[in-house]
Amino acid sequence: MENIVELFERLAKEREEGLKVNPRYDIDKLADDNGEIRIYFNSKVEYEMYLDGKGVIGSTERFLDTDVFCNVHKDRIEKLTDGRTLAHIAALSSNDDV
């Protein structure tokens, strides 16, 4: 049975190997069976910007009780930063469906 240090080392190694094969490894790993990730927005304004198809930054973690959340498809997320916490959500082009 592995101890906690060995577990974290194994998970870090799996992540590094996964990122070598697929740069979107973190995003794919967080997505559910439908390919969606729960994203929290700091305000209703940011949530409305997301609904309008504009680029915004959300979070994979809830920080405040007032955070608004919704499921965002993984293809709309450009990247995760700050330890997979901040989700950079791309703006939709005029060709994309809202």
PDB file of N, CA and C in Angstrom:
ATOM      1  N   MET A   1       0.848  -1.180   0.000  1.00  0.00           N
ATOM      2  CA  MET A   1       0.000   0.000   0.000  1.00  0.00           C
ATOM      3  C   MET A   1       0.887   1.235   0.000  1.00  0.00           C
ATOM      4  N   GLU A   2       0.560   2.192  -0.889  1.00  0.00           N
ATOM      5  CA  GLU A   2       1.387   3.385  -0.991  1.00  0.00           C
ATOM      6  C   GLU A   2       0.991   4.427   0.058  1.00  0.00           C
ATOM      7  N   ASN A   3       1.993   5.143   0.542  1.00  0.00           N
ATOM      8  CA  ASN A   3       1.692   6.210   1.495  1.00  0.00           C
ATOM      9  C   ASN A   3       1.319   7.481   0.734  1.00  0.00           C
ATOM     10  N   ILE A   4       1.003   8.530   1.434  1.00  0.00           N
ATOM     11  CA  ILE A   4       0.508   9.757   0.822  1.00  0.00           C
ATOM     12  C   ILE A   4       1.555  10.410  -0.077  1.00  0.00           C
ATOM     13  N   VAL A   5       2.806  10.359   0.317  1.00  0.00           N
ATOM     14  CA  VAL A   5       3.882  10.949  -0.492  1.00  0.00           C
ATOM     15  C   VAL A   5       4.006  10.195  -1.819  1.00  0.00           C
ATOM     16  N   GLU A   6       3.980   8.876  -1.740  1.00  0.00           N
ATOM     17  CA  GLU A   6       4.060   8.074  -2.966  1.00  0.00           C
ATOM     18  C   GLU A   6       2.858   8.317  -3.867  1.00  0.00           C
ATOM     19  N   LEU A   7       1.689   8.491  -3.274  1.00  0.00           N
ATOM     20  CA  LEU A   7       0.483   8.772  -4.046  1.00  0.00           C
ATOM     21  C   LEU A   7       0.626  10.083  -4.816  1.00  0.00           C
ATOM     22  N   PHE A   8       1.060  11.143  -4.132  1.00  0.00           N
ATOM     23  CA  PHE A   8       1.229  12.439  -4.794  1.00  0.00           C
ATOM     24  C   PHE A   8       2.307  12.373  -5.871  1.00  0.00           C
ATOM     25  N   GLU A   9       3.377  11.646  -5.610  1.00  0.00           N
ATOM     26  CA  GLU A   9       4.424  11.492  -6.620  1.00  0.00           C
ATOM     27  C   GLU A   9       3.894  10.758  -7.845  1.00  0.00           C
ATOM     28  N   ARG A  10       3.102   9.721  -7.631  1.00  0.00           N
ATOM     29  CA  ARG A  10       2.521   8.964  -8.740  1.00  0.00           C
ATOM     30  C   ARG A  10       1.559   9.829  -9.546  1.00  0.00           C
ATOM     31  N   LEU A  11       0.706  10.594  -8.861  1.00  0.00           N
ATOM     32  CA  LEU A  11      -0.238  11.460  -9.552  1.00  0.00           C
ATOM     33  C   LEU A  11       0.480  12.558 -10.341  1.00  0.00           C
ATOM     34  N   ALA A  12       1.546  13.116  -9.782  1.00  0.00           N
ATOM     35  CA  ALA A  12       2.320  14.140 -10.486  1.00  0.00           C
ATOM     36  C   ALA A  12       2.976  13.558 -11.736  1.00  0.00           C
ATOM     37  N   LYS A  13       3.492  12.336 -11.617  1.00  0.00           N
ATOM     38  CA  LYS A  13       4.123  11.682 -12.767  1.00  0.00           C
ATOM     39  C   LYS A  13       3.085  11.386 -13.855  1.00  0.00           C
ATOM     40  N   GLU A  14       1.911  10.899 -13.458  1.00  0.00           N
ATOM     41  CA  GLU A  14       0.843  10.630 -14.429  1.00  0.00           C
ATOM     42  C   GLU A  14       0.440  11.903 -15.141  1.00  0.00           C
ATOM     43  N   ARG A  15       0.364  13.011 -14.402  1.00  0.00           N
ATOM     44  CA  ARG A  15      -0.017  14.290 -15.011  1.00  0.00           C
ATOM     45  C   ARG A  15       1.030  14.751 -16.009  1.00  0.00           C
ATOM     46  N   GLU A  16       2.306  14.668 -15.643  1.00  0.00           N
ATOM     47  CA  GLU A  16       3.377  15.069 -16.554  1.00  0.00           C
ATOM     48  C   GLU A  16       3.350  14.248 -17.835  1.00  0.00           C
ATOM     49  N   GLU A  17       3.181  12.930 -17.692  1.00  0.00           N
ATOM     50  CA  GLU A  17       3.119  12.066 -18.864  1.00  0.00           C
ATOM     51  C   GLU A  17       1.881  12.364 -19.699  1.00  0.00           C
ATOM     52  N   GLY A  18       0.766  12.626 -19.037  1.00  0.00           N
ATOM     53  CA  GLY A  18      -0.461  12.952 -19.742  1.00  0.00           C
ATOM     54  C   GLY A  18      -0.353  14.248 -20.520  1.00  0.00           C
ATOM     55  N   LEU A  19       0.321  15.256 -19.943  1.00  0.00           N
ATOM     56  CA  LEU A  19       0.495  16.538 -20.623  1.00  0.00           C
ATOM     57  C   LEU A  19       1.418  16.415 -21.827  1.00  0.00           C
ATOM     58  N   LYS A  20       2.370  15.488 -21.782  1.00  0.00           N
ATOM     59  CA  LYS A  20       3.244  15.271 -22.933  1.00  0.00           C
ATOM     60  C   LYS A  20       2.447  14.732 -24.120  1.00  0.00           C
ATOM     61  N   VAL A  21       1.525  13.841 -23.844  1.00  0.00           N
ATOM     62  CA  VAL A  21       0.721  13.220 -24.893  1.00  0.00           C
ATOM     63  C   VAL A  21      -0.400  14.156 -25.351  1.00  0.00           C
ATOM     64  N   ASN A  22      -1.026  14.847 -24.398  1.00  0.00           N
ATOM     65  CA  ASN A  22      -2.185  15.686 -24.694  1.00  0.00           C
ATOM     66  C   ASN A  22      -2.086  16.977 -23.890  1.00  0.00           C
ATOM     67  N   PRO A  23      -1.816  18.125 -24.533  1.00  0.00           N
ATOM     68  CA  PRO A  23      -1.695  19.390 -23.797  1.00  0.00           C
ATOM     69  C   PRO A  23      -2.974  19.775 -23.041  1.00  0.00           C
ATOM     70  N   ARG A  24      -4.102  19.207 -23.424  1.00  0.00           N
ATOM     71  CA  ARG A  24      -5.368  19.498 -22.750  1.00  0.00           C
ATOM     72  C   ARG A  24      -5.725  18.394 -21.744  1.00  0.00           C
ATOM     73  N   TYR A  25      -4.730  17.681 -21.263  1.00  0.00           N
ATOM     74  CA  TYR A  25      -4.921  16.555 -20.342  1.00  0.00           C
ATOM     75  C   TYR A  25      -5.717  16.967 -19.107  1.00  0.00           C
ATOM     76  N   ASP A  26      -5.351  18.105 -18.485  1.00  0.00           N
ATOM     77  CA  ASP A  26      -6.042  18.560 -17.272  1.00  0.00           C
ATOM     78  C   ASP A  26      -7.518  18.820 -17.541  1.00  0.00           C
ATOM     79  N   ILE A  27      -7.793  19.447 -18.669  1.00  0.00           N
ATOM     80  CA  ILE A  27      -9.179  19.769 -19.013  1.00  0.00           C
ATOM     81  C   ILE A  27      -9.970  18.488 -19.240  1.00  0.00           C
ATOM     82  N   ASP A  28      -9.399  17.570 -20.010  1.00  0.00           N
ATOM     83  CA  ASP A  28     -10.079  16.299 -20.277  1.00  0.00           C
ATOM     84  C   ASP A  28     -10.293  15.496 -18.998  1.00  0.00           C
ATOM     85  N   LYS A  29      -9.346  15.551 -18.086  1.00  0.00           N
ATOM     86  CA  LYS A  29      -9.430  14.793 -16.833  1.00  0.00           C
ATOM     87  C   LYS A  29     -10.554  15.335 -15.926  1.00  0.00           C
ATOM     88  N   LEU A  30     -10.764  16.649 -15.945  1.00  0.00           N
ATOM     89  CA  LEU A  30     -11.796  17.257 -15.105  1.00  0.00           C
ATOM     90  C   LEU A  30     -13.198  17.109 -15.682  1.00  0.00           C
ATOM     91  N   ALA A  31     -13.294  16.864 -16.980  1.00  0.00           N
ATOM     92  CA  ALA A  31     -14.606  16.807 -17.637  1.00  0.00           C
ATOM     93  C   ALA A  31     -15.382  15.560 -17.218  1.00  0.00           C
ATOM     94  N   ASP A  32     -16.706  15.703 -17.184  1.00  0.00           N
ATOM     95  CA  ASP A  32     -17.567  14.569 -16.868  1.00  0.00           C
ATOM     96  C   ASP A  32     -17.840  13.750 -18.133  1.00  0.00           C
ATOM     97  N   ASP A  33     -18.759  12.806 -18.055  1.00  0.00           N
ATOM     98  CA  ASP A  33     -19.057  11.937 -19.195  1.00  0.00           C
ATOM     99  C   ASP A  33     -19.613  12.697 -20.391  1.00  0.00           C
ATOM    100  N   ASN A  34     -20.221  13.857 -20.148  1.00  0.00           N
ATOM    101  CA  ASN A  34     -20.770  14.678 -21.226  1.00  0.00           C
ATOM    102  C   ASN A  34     -19.751  15.671 -21.779  1.00  0.00           C
ATOM    103  N   GLY A  35     -18.542  15.641 -21.248  1.00  0.00           N
ATOM    104  CA  GLY A  35     -17.503  16.561 -21.697  1.00  0.00           C
ATOM    105  C   GLY A  35     -17.631  17.953 -21.109  1.00  0.00           C
ATOM    106  N   GLU A  36     -18.277  18.065 -19.960  1.00  0.00           N
ATOM    107  CA  GLU A  36     -18.495  19.365 -19.337  1.00  0.00           C
ATOM    108  C   GLU A  36     -17.771  19.474 -17.998  1.00  0.00           C
ATOM    109  N   ILE A  37     -17.398  20.707 -17.678  1.00  0.00           N
ATOM    110  CA  ILE A  37     -16.723  21.004 -16.419  1.00  0.00           C
ATOM    111  C   ILE A  37     -17.540  22.073 -15.697  1.00  0.00           C
ATOM    112  N   ARG A  38     -17.772  21.890 -14.407  1.00  0.00           N
ATOM    113  CA  ARG A  38     -18.494  22.901 -13.625  1.00  0.00           C
ATOM    114  C   ARG A  38     -17.558  24.083 -13.409  1.00  0.00           C
ATOM    115  N   ILE A  39     -18.019  25.248 -13.851  1.00  0.00           N
ATOM    116  CA  ILE A  39     -17.247  26.477 -13.727  1.00  0.00           C
ATOM    117  C   ILE A  39     -18.037  27.476 -12.896  1.00  0.00           C
ATOM    118  N   TYR A  40     -17.333  28.115 -11.955  1.00  0.00           N
ATOM    119  CA  TYR A  40     -17.929  29.135 -11.097  1.00  0.00           C
ATOM    120  C   TYR A  40     -17.512  30.518 -11.602  1.00  0.00           C
ATOM    121  N   PHE A  41     -18.479  31.431 -11.660  1.00  0.00           N
ATOM    122  CA  PHE A  41     -18.214  32.799 -12.060  1.00  0.00           C
ATOM    123  C   PHE A  41     -18.374  33.695 -10.844  1.00  0.00           C
ATOM    124  N   ASN A  42     -17.494  34.694 -10.741  1.00  0.00           N
ATOM    125  CA  ASN A  42     -17.451  35.572  -9.581  1.00  0.00           C
ATOM    126  C   ASN A  42     -18.677  36.474  -9.479  1.00  0.00           C
ATOM    127  N   SER A  43     -19.301  36.763 -10.605  1.00  0.00           N
ATOM    128  CA  SER A  43     -20.459  37.658 -10.577  1.00  0.00           C
ATOM    129  C   SER A  43     -21.429  37.288 -11.692  1.00  0.00           C
ATOM    130  N   LYS A  44     -22.619  37.828 -11.583  1.00  0.00           N
ATOM    131  CA  LYS A  44     -23.619  37.603 -12.628  1.00  0.00           C
ATOM    132  C   LYS A  44     -23.196  38.263 -13.932  1.00  0.00           C
ATOM    133  N   VAL A  45     -22.416  39.338 -13.840  1.00  0.00           N
ATOM    134  CA  VAL A  45     -21.938  40.031 -15.040  1.00  0.00           C
ATOM    135  C   VAL A  45     -21.043  39.102 -15.857  1.00  0.00           C
ATOM    136  N   GLU A  46     -20.107  38.421 -15.191  1.00  0.00           N
ATOM    137  CA  GLU A  46     -19.225  37.474 -15.893  1.00  0.00           C
ATOM    138  C   GLU A  46     -20.030  36.315 -16.475  1.00  0.00           C
ATOM    139  N   TYR A  47     -21.014  35.847 -15.743  1.00  0.00           N
ATOM    140  CA  TYR A  47     -21.863  34.761 -16.242  1.00  0.00           C
ATOM    141  C   TYR A  47     -22.628  35.208 -17.483  1.00  0.00           C
ATOM    142  N   GLU A  48     -23.165  36.424 -17.462  1.00  0.00           N
ATOM    143  CA  GLU A  48     -23.877  36.941 -18.631  1.00  0.00           C
ATOM    144  C   GLU A  48     -22.934  37.126 -19.814  1.00  0.00           C
ATOM    145  N   MET A  49     -21.694  37.535 -19.551  1.00  0.00           N
ATOM    146  CA  MET A  49     -20.702  37.641 -20.623  1.00  0.00           C
ATOM    147  C   MET A  49     -20.457  36.277 -21.248  1.00  0.00           C
ATOM    148  N   TYR A  50     -20.366  35.239 -20.400  1.00  0.00           N
ATOM    149  CA  TYR A  50     -20.193  33.873 -20.907  1.00  0.00           C
ATOM    150  C   TYR A  50     -21.379  33.480 -21.780  1.00  0.00           C
ATOM    151  N   LEU A  51     -22.594  33.764 -21.314  1.00  0.00           N
ATOM    152  CA  LEU A  51     -23.795  33.424 -22.078  1.00  0.00           C
ATOM    153  C   LEU A  51     -23.859  34.182 -23.403  1.00  0.00           C
ATOM    154  N   ASP A  52     -23.305  35.405 -23.423  1.00  0.00           N
ATOM    155  CA  ASP A  52     -23.282  36.205 -24.642  1.00  0.00           C
ATOM    156  C   ASP A  52     -22.175  35.775 -25.603  1.00  0.00           C
ATOM    157  N   GLY A  53     -21.364  34.793 -25.212  1.00  0.00           N
ATOM    158  CA  GLY A  53     -20.316  34.282 -26.086  1.00  0.00           C
ATOM    159  C   GLY A  53     -19.010  35.039 -25.998  1.00  0.00           C
ATOM    160  N   LYS A  54     -18.833  35.851 -24.961  1.00  0.00           N
ATOM    161  CA  LYS A  54     -17.593  36.602 -24.793  1.00  0.00           C
ATOM    162  C   LYS A  54     -16.585  35.786 -23.995  1.00  0.00           C
ATOM    163  N   GLY A  55     -15.314  36.118 -24.148  1.00  0.00           N
ATOM    164  CA  GLY A  55     -14.262  35.447 -23.397  1.00  0.00           C
ATOM    165  C   GLY A  55     -14.246  35.908 -21.953  1.00  0.00           C
ATOM    166  N   VAL A  56     -14.205  34.982 -21.023  1.00  0.00           N
ATOM    167  CA  VAL A  56     -14.172  35.305 -19.595  1.00  0.00           C
ATOM    168  C   VAL A  56     -13.260  34.318 -18.873  1.00  0.00           C
ATOM    169  N   ILE A  57     -13.001  34.633 -17.618  1.00  0.00           N
ATOM    170  CA  ILE A  57     -12.241  33.724 -16.771  1.00  0.00           C
ATOM    171  C   ILE A  57     -13.146  33.290 -15.633  1.00  0.00           C
ATOM    172  N   GLY A  58     -13.285  31.982 -15.477  1.00  0.00           N
ATOM    173  CA  GLY A  58     -14.054  31.411 -14.381  1.00  0.00           C
ATOM    174  C   GLY A  58     -13.126  30.589 -13.503  1.00  0.00           C
ATOM    175  N   SER A  59     -13.697  29.838 -12.592  1.00  0.00           N
ATOM    176  CA  SER A  59     -12.911  29.044 -11.669  1.00  0.00           C
ATOM    177  C   SER A  59     -13.496  27.633 -11.557  1.00  0.00           C
ATOM    178  N   THR A  60     -12.625  26.671 -11.347  1.00  0.00           N
ATOM    179  CA  THR A  60     -13.092  25.306 -11.118  1.00  0.00           C
ATOM    180  C   THR A  60     -13.412  25.073  -9.653  1.00  0.00           C
ATOM    181  N   GLU A  61     -13.137  26.077  -8.813  1.00  0.00           N
ATOM    182  CA  GLU A  61     -13.418  25.978  -7.385  1.00  0.00           C
ATOM    183  C   GLU A  61     -14.311  27.133  -6.958  1.00  0.00           C
ATOM    184  N   ARG A  62     -15.157  26.860  -6.004  1.00  0.00           N
ATOM    185  CA  ARG A  62     -16.049  27.893  -5.484  1.00  0.00           C
ATOM    186  C   ARG A  62     -15.352  28.648  -4.363  1.00  0.00           C
ATOM    187  N   PHE A  63     -15.375  29.981  -4.454  1.00  0.00           N
ATOM    188  CA  PHE A  63     -14.730  30.801  -3.441  1.00  0.00           C
ATOM    189  C   PHE A  63     -15.733  31.529  -2.556  1.00  0.00           C
ATOM    190  N   LEU A  64     -16.829  31.972  -3.134  1.00  0.00           N
ATOM    191  CA  LEU A  64     -17.826  32.728  -2.384  1.00  0.00           C
ATOM    192  C   LEU A  64     -19.192  32.056  -2.506  1.00  0.00           C
ATOM    193  N   ASP A  65     -20.039  32.285  -1.522  1.00  0.00           N
ATOM    194  CA  ASP A  65     -21.392  31.739  -1.584  1.00  0.00           C
ATOM    195  C   ASP A  65     -22.196  32.355  -2.726  1.00  0.00           C
ATOM    196  N   THR A  66     -21.782  33.529  -3.172  1.00  0.00           N
ATOM    197  CA  THR A  66     -22.518  34.228  -4.227  1.00  0.00           C
ATOM    198  C   THR A  66     -22.052  33.850  -5.634  1.00  0.00           C
ATOM    199  N   ASP A  67     -21.066  32.982  -5.753  1.00  0.00           N
ATOM    200  CA  ASP A  67     -20.582  32.570  -7.069  1.00  0.00           C
ATOM    201  C   ASP A  67     -21.702  31.907  -7.868  1.00  0.00           C
ATOM    202  N   VAL A  68     -21.752  32.220  -9.149  1.00  0.00           N
ATOM    203  CA  VAL A  68     -22.721  31.626 -10.069  1.00  0.00           C
ATOM    204  C   VAL A  68     -22.002  30.514 -10.810  1.00  0.00           C
ATOM    205  N   PHE A  69     -22.651  29.358 -10.973  1.00  0.00           N
ATOM    206  CA  PHE A  69     -21.968  28.272 -11.669  1.00  0.00           C
ATOM    207  C   PHE A  69     -22.822  27.705 -12.783  1.00  0.00           C
ATOM    208  N   CYS A  70     -22.140  27.098 -13.737  1.00  0.00           N
ATOM    209  CA  CYS A  70     -22.806  26.353 -14.802  1.00  0.00           C
ATOM    210  C   CYS A  70     -21.794  25.366 -15.373  1.00  0.00           C
ATOM    211  N   ASN A  71     -22.274  24.417 -16.127  1.00  0.00           N
ATOM    212  CA  ASN A  71     -21.394  23.459 -16.783  1.00  0.00           C
ATOM    213  C   ASN A  71     -20.976  24.027 -18.132  1.00  0.00           C
ATOM    214  N   VAL A  72     -19.660  24.038 -18.382  1.00  0.00           N
ATOM    215  CA  VAL A  72     -19.096  24.556 -19.619  1.00  0.00           C
ATOM    216  C   VAL A  72     -18.470  23.390 -20.359  1.00  0.00           C
ATOM    217  N   HIS A  73     -18.740  23.281 -21.653  1.00  0.00           N
ATOM    218  CA  HIS A  73     -18.152  22.183 -22.429  1.00  0.00           C
ATOM    219  C   HIS A  73     -16.645  22.375 -22.520  1.00  0.00           C
ATOM    220  N   LYS A  74     -15.904  21.297 -22.435  1.00  0.00           N
ATOM    221  CA  LYS A  74     -14.446  21.364 -22.373  1.00  0.00           C
ATOM    222  C   LYS A  74     -13.832  21.988 -23.620  1.00  0.00           C
ATOM    223  N   ASP A  75     -14.510  21.924 -24.759  1.00  0.00           N
ATOM    224  CA  ASP A  75     -13.965  22.516 -25.979  1.00  0.00           C
ATOM    225  C   ASP A  75     -13.954  24.040 -25.923  1.00  0.00           C
ATOM    226  N   ARG A  76     -14.761  24.619 -25.082  1.00  0.00           N
ATOM    227  CA  ARG A  76     -14.819  26.081 -24.954  1.00  0.00           C
ATOM    228  C   ARG A  76     -13.718  26.602 -24.034  1.00  0.00           C
ATOM    229  N   ILE A  77     -13.120  25.730 -23.226  1.00  0.00           N
ATOM    230  CA  ILE A  77     -12.078  26.152 -22.285  1.00  0.00           C
ATOM    231  C   ILE A  77     -10.724  26.112 -22.991  1.00  0.00           C
ATOM    232  N   GLU A  78     -10.059  27.269 -23.022  1.00  0.00           N
ATOM    233  CA  GLU A  78      -8.760  27.362 -23.686  1.00  0.00           C
ATOM    234  C   GLU A  78      -7.658  26.718 -22.866  1.00  0.00           C
ATOM    235  N   LYS A  79      -7.617  27.061 -21.577  1.00  0.00           N
ATOM    236  CA  LYS A  79      -6.560  26.541 -20.708  1.00  0.00           C
ATOM    237  C   LYS A  79      -6.968  26.700 -19.258  1.00  0.00           C
ATOM    238  N   LEU A  80      -6.271  25.962 -18.403  1.00  0.00           N
ATOM    239  CA  LEU A  80      -6.423  26.073 -16.947  1.00  0.00           C
ATOM    240  C   LEU A  80      -5.109  26.579 -16.391  1.00  0.00           C
ATOM    241  N   THR A  81      -5.172  27.543 -15.495  1.00  0.00           N
ATOM    242  CA  THR A  81      -3.955  28.075 -14.874  1.00  0.00           C
ATOM    243  C   THR A  81      -4.115  28.101 -13.362  1.00  0.00           C
ATOM    244  N   ASP A  82      -3.056  28.499 -12.689  1.00  0.00           N
ATOM    245  CA  ASP A  82      -3.031  28.585 -11.223  1.00  0.00           C
ATOM    246  C   ASP A  82      -3.454  27.268 -10.581  1.00  0.00           C
ATOM    247  N   GLY A  83      -2.763  26.212 -10.931  1.00  0.00           N
ATOM    248  CA  GLY A  83      -3.045  24.907 -10.336  1.00  0.00           C
ATOM    249  C   GLY A  83      -4.392  24.354 -10.740  1.00  0.00           C
ATOM    250  N   ARG A  84      -4.749  24.524 -11.984  1.00  0.00           N
ATOM    251  CA  ARG A  84      -6.018  24.041 -12.545  1.00  0.00           C
ATOM    252  C   ARG A  84      -7.220  24.712 -11.896  1.00  0.00           C
ATOM    253  N   THR A  85      -7.042  25.934 -11.398  1.00  0.00           N
ATOM    254  CA  THR A  85      -8.131  26.628 -10.733  1.00  0.00           C
ATOM    255  C   THR A  85      -8.829  27.613 -11.663  1.00  0.00           C
ATOM    256  N   LEU A  86      -8.075  28.429 -12.387  1.00  0.00           N
ATOM    257  CA  LEU A  86      -8.670  29.432 -13.272  1.00  0.00           C
ATOM    258  C   LEU A  86      -8.903  28.838 -14.656  1.00  0.00           C
ATOM    259  N   ALA A  87     -10.122  28.964 -15.129  1.00  0.00           N
ATOM    260  CA  ALA A  87     -10.483  28.461 -16.450  1.00  0.00           C
ATOM    261  C   ALA A  87     -10.640  29.637 -17.400  1.00  0.00           C
ATOM    262  N   HIS A  88      -9.815  29.676 -18.432  1.00  0.00           N
ATOM    263  CA  HIS A  88      -9.880  30.720 -19.438  1.00  0.00           C
ATOM    264  C   HIS A  88     -10.840  30.234 -20.524  1.00  0.00           C
ATOM    265  N   ILE A  89     -11.984  30.896 -20.626  1.00  0.00           N
ATOM    266  CA  ILE A  89     -13.038  30.473 -21.544  1.00  0.00           C
ATOM    267  C   ILE A  89     -12.993  31.359 -22.775  1.00  0.00           C
ATOM    268  N   ALA A  90     -12.893  30.719 -23.931  1.00  0.00           N
ATOM    269  CA  ALA A  90     -12.752  31.443 -25.191  1.00  0.00           C
ATOM    270  C   ALA A  90     -14.054  32.107 -25.598  1.00  0.00           C
ATOM    271  N   ALA A  91     -13.910  33.212 -26.328  1.00  0.00           N
ATOM    272  CA  ALA A  91     -15.079  33.854 -26.917  1.00  0.00           C
ATOM    273  C   ALA A  91     -15.529  33.017 -28.104  1.00  0.00           C
ATOM    274  N   LEU A  92     -16.817  33.018 -28.341  1.00  0.00           N
ATOM    275  CA  LEU A  92     -17.355  32.290 -29.486  1.00  0.00           C
ATOM    276  C   LEU A  92     -17.186  33.133 -30.740  1.00  0.00           C
ATOM    277  N   SER A  93     -16.863  32.478 -31.840  1.00  0.00           N
ATOM    278  CA  SER A  93     -16.825  33.188 -33.119  1.00  0.00           C
ATOM    279  C   SER A  93     -18.251  33.281 -33.657  1.00  0.00           C
ATOM    280  N   SER A  94     -18.423  34.023 -34.694  1.00  0.00           N
ATOM    281  CA  SER A  94     -19.762  34.179 -35.259  1.00  0.00           C
ATOM    282  C   SER A  94     -20.267  32.876 -35.883  1.00  0.00           C
ATOM    283  N   ASN A  95     -19.362  31.918 -36.120  1.00  0.00           N
ATOM    284  CA  ASN A  95     -19.749  30.636 -36.720  1.00  0.00           C
ATOM    285  C   ASN A  95     -20.211  29.618 -35.687  1.00  0.00           C
ATOM    286  N   ASP A  96     -19.928  29.875 -34.405  1.00  0.00           N
ATOM    287  CA  ASP A  96     -20.278  28.911 -33.361  1.00  0.00           C
ATOM    288  C   ASP A  96     -21.706  29.087 -32.910  1.00  0.00           C
ATOM    289  N   ASP A  97     -22.320  28.000 -32.473  1.00  0.00           N
ATOM    290  CA  ASP A  97     -23.674  28.057 -31.924  1.00  0.00           C
ATOM    291  C   ASP A  97     -23.612  28.431 -30.457  1.00  0.00           C
ATOM    292  N   VAL A  98     -24.522  29.268 -30.016  1.00  0.00           N
ATOM    293  CA  VAL A  98     -24.584  29.663 -28.601  1.00  0.00           C
ATOM    294  C   VAL A  98     -25.543  28.763 -27.881  1.00  0.00           C
TER     295      VAL A  98
END
